[in-house]
């Protein structure tokens, strides 16, 4: 099961689609358009295939150190995504 997907463009822009129908698009400095859609829900995902982008996919079978670094959850109080490694209990 996929828990995180990201696409990095040649100029260093990171595209993250968090959920289904969360379409992300970026026009790179090289003039090409990059996109990522579908989140990590498992239903579908779409991404651009220009050949010079880097694609990262983290699954449940990856080591915990990798999952901790990339997995994010939405904080409804701050209205932003927080990485698992940055979650602090009070």
N, C-alpha and C. Protein backbone atom coordinates (compact mmCIF):
# COMPACT_ATOMS: atom_id res chain seq x y z
N UNK A 1 0.84 -1.18 0.00
CA UNK A 1 0.00 0.00 0.00
C UNK A 1 0.89 1.24 0.00
N UNK A 2 0.58 2.18 -0.87
CA UNK A 2 1.33 3.42 -1.00
C UNK A 2 0.86 4.41 0.08
N UNK A 3 1.82 5.04 0.77
CA UNK A 3 1.47 6.04 1.78
C UNK A 3 1.96 7.44 1.43
N UNK A 4 2.78 7.55 0.37
CA UNK A 4 3.30 8.86 -0.01
C UNK A 4 3.81 8.80 -1.44
N UNK A 5 3.52 9.85 -2.22
CA UNK A 5 4.05 10.00 -3.57
C UNK A 5 4.48 11.43 -3.77
N UNK A 6 5.61 11.60 -4.45
CA UNK A 6 6.03 12.95 -4.81
C UNK A 6 6.77 12.93 -6.13
N UNK A 7 6.72 14.04 -6.82
CA UNK A 7 7.43 14.21 -8.09
C UNK A 7 8.29 15.46 -7.94
N UNK A 8 9.59 15.34 -8.22
CA UNK A 8 10.50 16.47 -8.14
C UNK A 8 10.90 16.87 -9.55
N UNK A 9 10.72 18.14 -9.87
CA UNK A 9 11.04 18.66 -11.20
C UNK A 9 12.52 19.03 -11.26
N UNK A 10 13.06 19.24 -12.46
CA UNK A 10 14.48 19.59 -12.59
C UNK A 10 14.89 20.86 -11.85
N UNK A 11 13.97 21.83 -11.67
CA UNK A 11 14.34 23.04 -10.93
C UNK A 11 14.18 22.87 -9.40
N UNK A 12 13.83 21.65 -8.95
CA UNK A 12 13.76 21.37 -7.52
C UNK A 12 12.38 21.51 -6.89
N UNK A 13 11.38 21.86 -7.68
CA UNK A 13 10.02 21.98 -7.16
C UNK A 13 9.47 20.60 -6.85
N UNK A 14 8.88 20.44 -5.67
CA UNK A 14 8.31 19.16 -5.26
C UNK A 14 6.80 19.23 -5.36
N UNK A 15 6.22 18.31 -6.12
CA UNK A 15 4.77 18.21 -6.25
C UNK A 15 4.30 17.04 -5.39
N UNK A 16 3.31 17.30 -4.53
CA UNK A 16 2.72 16.26 -3.68
C UNK A 16 1.22 16.30 -3.84
N UNK A 17 0.63 15.19 -4.18
CA UNK A 17 -0.82 15.07 -4.27
C UNK A 17 -1.26 14.26 -3.05
N UNK A 18 -2.01 14.88 -2.16
CA UNK A 18 -2.35 14.25 -0.89
C UNK A 18 -3.57 13.34 -0.94
N UNK A 19 -4.47 13.58 -1.87
CA UNK A 19 -5.68 12.77 -1.91
C UNK A 19 -6.22 12.73 -3.34
N UNK A 20 -7.22 11.90 -3.55
CA UNK A 20 -7.82 11.79 -4.86
C UNK A 20 -8.37 13.15 -5.30
N UNK A 21 -8.18 13.48 -6.54
CA UNK A 21 -8.60 14.76 -7.14
C UNK A 21 -7.82 15.96 -6.61
N UNK A 22 -6.63 15.73 -6.05
CA UNK A 22 -5.75 16.81 -5.61
C UNK A 22 -4.71 17.00 -6.71
N UNK A 23 -5.09 17.73 -7.75
CA UNK A 23 -4.27 17.91 -8.95
C UNK A 23 -3.22 18.98 -8.69
N UNK A 24 -1.95 18.63 -8.90
CA UNK A 24 -0.84 19.58 -8.73
C UNK A 24 -0.15 19.75 -10.08
N UNK A 25 0.16 21.00 -10.41
CA UNK A 25 0.75 21.31 -11.71
C UNK A 25 1.83 22.36 -11.53
N UNK A 26 2.90 22.26 -12.30
CA UNK A 26 3.99 23.23 -12.21
C UNK A 26 4.64 23.39 -13.58
N UNK A 27 4.84 24.64 -13.98
CA UNK A 27 5.58 24.90 -15.21
C UNK A 27 7.02 25.19 -14.80
N UNK A 28 7.92 24.33 -15.22
CA UNK A 28 9.31 24.38 -14.81
C UNK A 28 10.06 25.49 -15.55
N UNK A 29 11.25 25.82 -15.04
CA UNK A 29 12.08 26.84 -15.68
C UNK A 29 12.51 26.41 -17.08
N UNK A 30 12.51 25.09 -17.34
CA UNK A 30 12.90 24.60 -18.66
C UNK A 30 11.75 24.68 -19.68
N UNK A 31 10.58 25.17 -19.25
CA UNK A 31 9.44 25.34 -20.15
C UNK A 31 8.49 24.16 -20.20
N UNK A 32 8.85 23.04 -19.58
CA UNK A 32 7.98 21.86 -19.57
C UNK A 32 6.99 21.94 -18.41
N UNK A 33 5.85 21.31 -18.60
CA UNK A 33 4.83 21.27 -17.56
C UNK A 33 4.86 19.90 -16.89
N UNK A 34 4.80 19.92 -15.55
CA UNK A 34 4.81 18.69 -14.76
C UNK A 34 3.53 18.65 -13.93
N UNK A 35 3.02 17.43 -13.74
CA UNK A 35 1.78 17.29 -12.96
C UNK A 35 1.78 16.00 -12.18
N UNK A 36 0.98 16.00 -11.10
CA UNK A 36 0.78 14.81 -10.27
C UNK A 36 -0.65 14.89 -9.76
N UNK A 37 -1.33 13.76 -9.78
CA UNK A 37 -2.73 13.72 -9.36
C UNK A 37 -3.05 12.34 -8.79
N UNK A 38 -4.01 12.28 -7.90
CA UNK A 38 -4.49 11.00 -7.39
C UNK A 38 -4.09 10.68 -5.98
N UNK A 39 -3.15 11.43 -5.41
CA UNK A 39 -2.74 11.18 -4.04
C UNK A 39 -2.15 9.81 -3.84
N UNK A 40 -2.39 9.24 -2.70
CA UNK A 40 -1.88 7.90 -2.40
C UNK A 40 -3.02 6.99 -1.96
N UNK A 41 -4.21 7.27 -2.46
CA UNK A 41 -5.40 6.51 -2.06
C UNK A 41 -5.42 5.11 -2.65
N UNK A 42 -4.66 4.85 -3.67
CA UNK A 42 -4.63 3.53 -4.26
C UNK A 42 -5.59 3.34 -5.43
N UNK A 43 -6.52 4.27 -5.62
CA UNK A 43 -7.49 4.14 -6.71
C UNK A 43 -6.83 4.38 -8.06
N UNK A 44 -6.12 5.46 -8.15
CA UNK A 44 -5.41 5.79 -9.39
C UNK A 44 -4.42 6.90 -9.08
N UNK A 45 -3.46 7.08 -9.93
CA UNK A 45 -2.65 8.28 -9.91
C UNK A 45 -2.17 8.55 -11.31
N UNK A 46 -1.94 9.81 -11.58
CA UNK A 46 -1.44 10.22 -12.89
C UNK A 46 -0.24 11.13 -12.65
N UNK A 47 0.73 11.05 -13.54
CA UNK A 47 1.87 11.95 -13.43
C UNK A 47 2.41 12.24 -14.82
N UNK A 48 3.13 13.34 -14.93
CA UNK A 48 3.75 13.68 -16.21
C UNK A 48 4.91 12.73 -16.45
N UNK A 49 5.25 12.56 -17.70
CA UNK A 49 6.34 11.66 -18.08
C UNK A 49 7.27 12.38 -19.06
N UNK A 50 7.92 13.43 -18.59
CA UNK A 50 8.85 14.16 -19.44
C UNK A 50 10.21 13.48 -19.51
N UNK A 51 10.50 12.62 -18.53
CA UNK A 51 11.76 11.89 -18.56
C UNK A 51 12.85 12.47 -17.69
N UNK A 52 12.70 13.72 -17.26
CA UNK A 52 13.75 14.33 -16.45
C UNK A 52 13.29 14.61 -15.01
N UNK A 53 12.09 14.14 -14.66
CA UNK A 53 11.60 14.31 -13.30
C UNK A 53 12.01 13.12 -12.44
N UNK A 54 11.99 13.32 -11.11
CA UNK A 54 12.29 12.23 -10.19
C UNK A 54 11.00 11.89 -9.44
N UNK A 55 10.69 10.61 -9.41
CA UNK A 55 9.45 10.15 -8.80
C UNK A 55 9.79 9.33 -7.56
N UNK A 56 9.12 9.64 -6.43
CA UNK A 56 9.34 8.91 -5.19
C UNK A 56 8.02 8.34 -4.71
N UNK A 57 8.05 7.07 -4.33
CA UNK A 57 6.87 6.41 -3.80
C UNK A 57 7.28 5.64 -2.55
N UNK A 58 6.59 5.91 -1.43
CA UNK A 58 6.86 5.24 -0.16
C UNK A 58 5.69 4.32 0.14
N UNK A 59 6.00 3.07 0.49
CA UNK A 59 4.95 2.08 0.78
C UNK A 59 5.06 1.61 2.23
N UNK A 60 4.06 0.86 2.65
CA UNK A 60 4.06 0.31 4.01
C UNK A 60 5.21 -0.67 4.23
N UNK A 61 5.73 -1.26 3.17
CA UNK A 61 6.81 -2.23 3.32
C UNK A 61 8.19 -1.58 3.44
N UNK A 62 8.27 -0.26 3.26
CA UNK A 62 9.54 0.44 3.44
C UNK A 62 9.92 0.49 4.92
N UNK A 63 11.22 0.66 5.22
CA UNK A 63 11.63 0.75 6.62
C UNK A 63 10.97 1.95 7.33
N UNK A 64 10.80 1.82 8.64
CA UNK A 64 10.14 2.88 9.41
C UNK A 64 10.86 4.21 9.27
N UNK A 65 12.18 4.19 9.19
CA UNK A 65 12.93 5.45 9.07
C UNK A 65 12.55 6.21 7.80
N UNK A 66 12.24 5.49 6.73
CA UNK A 66 11.82 6.12 5.48
C UNK A 66 10.38 6.63 5.62
N UNK A 67 9.49 5.80 6.15
CA UNK A 67 8.09 6.21 6.33
C UNK A 67 8.00 7.44 7.22
N UNK A 68 8.77 7.46 8.29
CA UNK A 68 8.77 8.58 9.25
C UNK A 68 9.18 9.89 8.57
N UNK A 69 10.11 9.80 7.63
CA UNK A 69 10.64 10.97 6.94
C UNK A 69 9.63 11.60 5.98
N UNK A 70 8.77 10.77 5.36
CA UNK A 70 7.90 11.28 4.29
C UNK A 70 6.41 11.29 4.61
N UNK A 71 5.91 10.35 5.41
CA UNK A 71 4.47 10.27 5.65
C UNK A 71 3.96 11.55 6.31
N UNK A 72 2.81 12.04 5.83
CA UNK A 72 2.22 13.27 6.35
C UNK A 72 0.77 13.04 6.74
N UNK A 73 0.32 13.80 7.70
CA UNK A 73 -1.09 13.80 8.05
C UNK A 73 -1.54 15.25 8.15
N UNK A 74 -2.83 15.47 7.95
CA UNK A 74 -3.39 16.82 7.97
C UNK A 74 -3.77 17.21 9.38
N UNK A 75 -3.30 18.35 9.84
CA UNK A 75 -3.65 18.88 11.15
C UNK A 75 -4.82 19.84 10.96
N UNK A 76 -5.99 19.47 11.44
CA UNK A 76 -7.18 20.28 11.21
C UNK A 76 -7.16 21.60 11.97
N UNK A 77 -6.31 21.72 12.98
CA UNK A 77 -6.26 22.96 13.76
C UNK A 77 -5.34 23.99 13.12
N UNK A 78 -4.21 23.56 12.59
CA UNK A 78 -3.29 24.49 11.94
C UNK A 78 -3.53 24.58 10.43
N UNK A 79 -4.39 23.69 9.91
CA UNK A 79 -4.74 23.67 8.48
C UNK A 79 -3.52 23.46 7.59
N UNK A 80 -2.64 22.52 8.00
CA UNK A 80 -1.48 22.20 7.20
C UNK A 80 -1.09 20.74 7.40
N UNK A 81 -0.29 20.22 6.47
CA UNK A 81 0.19 18.85 6.58
C UNK A 81 1.44 18.83 7.44
N UNK A 82 1.54 17.80 8.30
CA UNK A 82 2.67 17.66 9.21
C UNK A 82 3.32 16.30 8.96
N UNK A 83 4.65 16.30 8.82
CA UNK A 83 5.36 15.03 8.65
C UNK A 83 5.34 14.25 9.95
N UNK A 84 5.32 12.92 9.84
CA UNK A 84 5.29 12.06 11.01
C UNK A 84 6.45 12.37 11.96
N UNK A 85 7.62 12.68 11.43
CA UNK A 85 8.79 12.94 12.25
C UNK A 85 8.64 14.23 13.07
N UNK A 86 7.72 15.11 12.67
CA UNK A 86 7.53 16.39 13.36
C UNK A 86 6.34 16.40 14.30
N UNK A 87 5.62 15.29 14.42
CA UNK A 87 4.47 15.21 15.31
C UNK A 87 4.97 15.06 16.74
N UNK A 88 4.49 15.96 17.59
CA UNK A 88 4.91 15.95 18.99
C UNK A 88 3.68 15.81 19.85
N UNK A 89 3.72 14.90 20.81
CA UNK A 89 2.60 14.77 21.74
C UNK A 89 2.81 15.72 22.91
N UNK A 90 1.72 16.22 23.43
CA UNK A 90 1.80 17.17 24.54
C UNK A 90 1.20 16.58 25.78
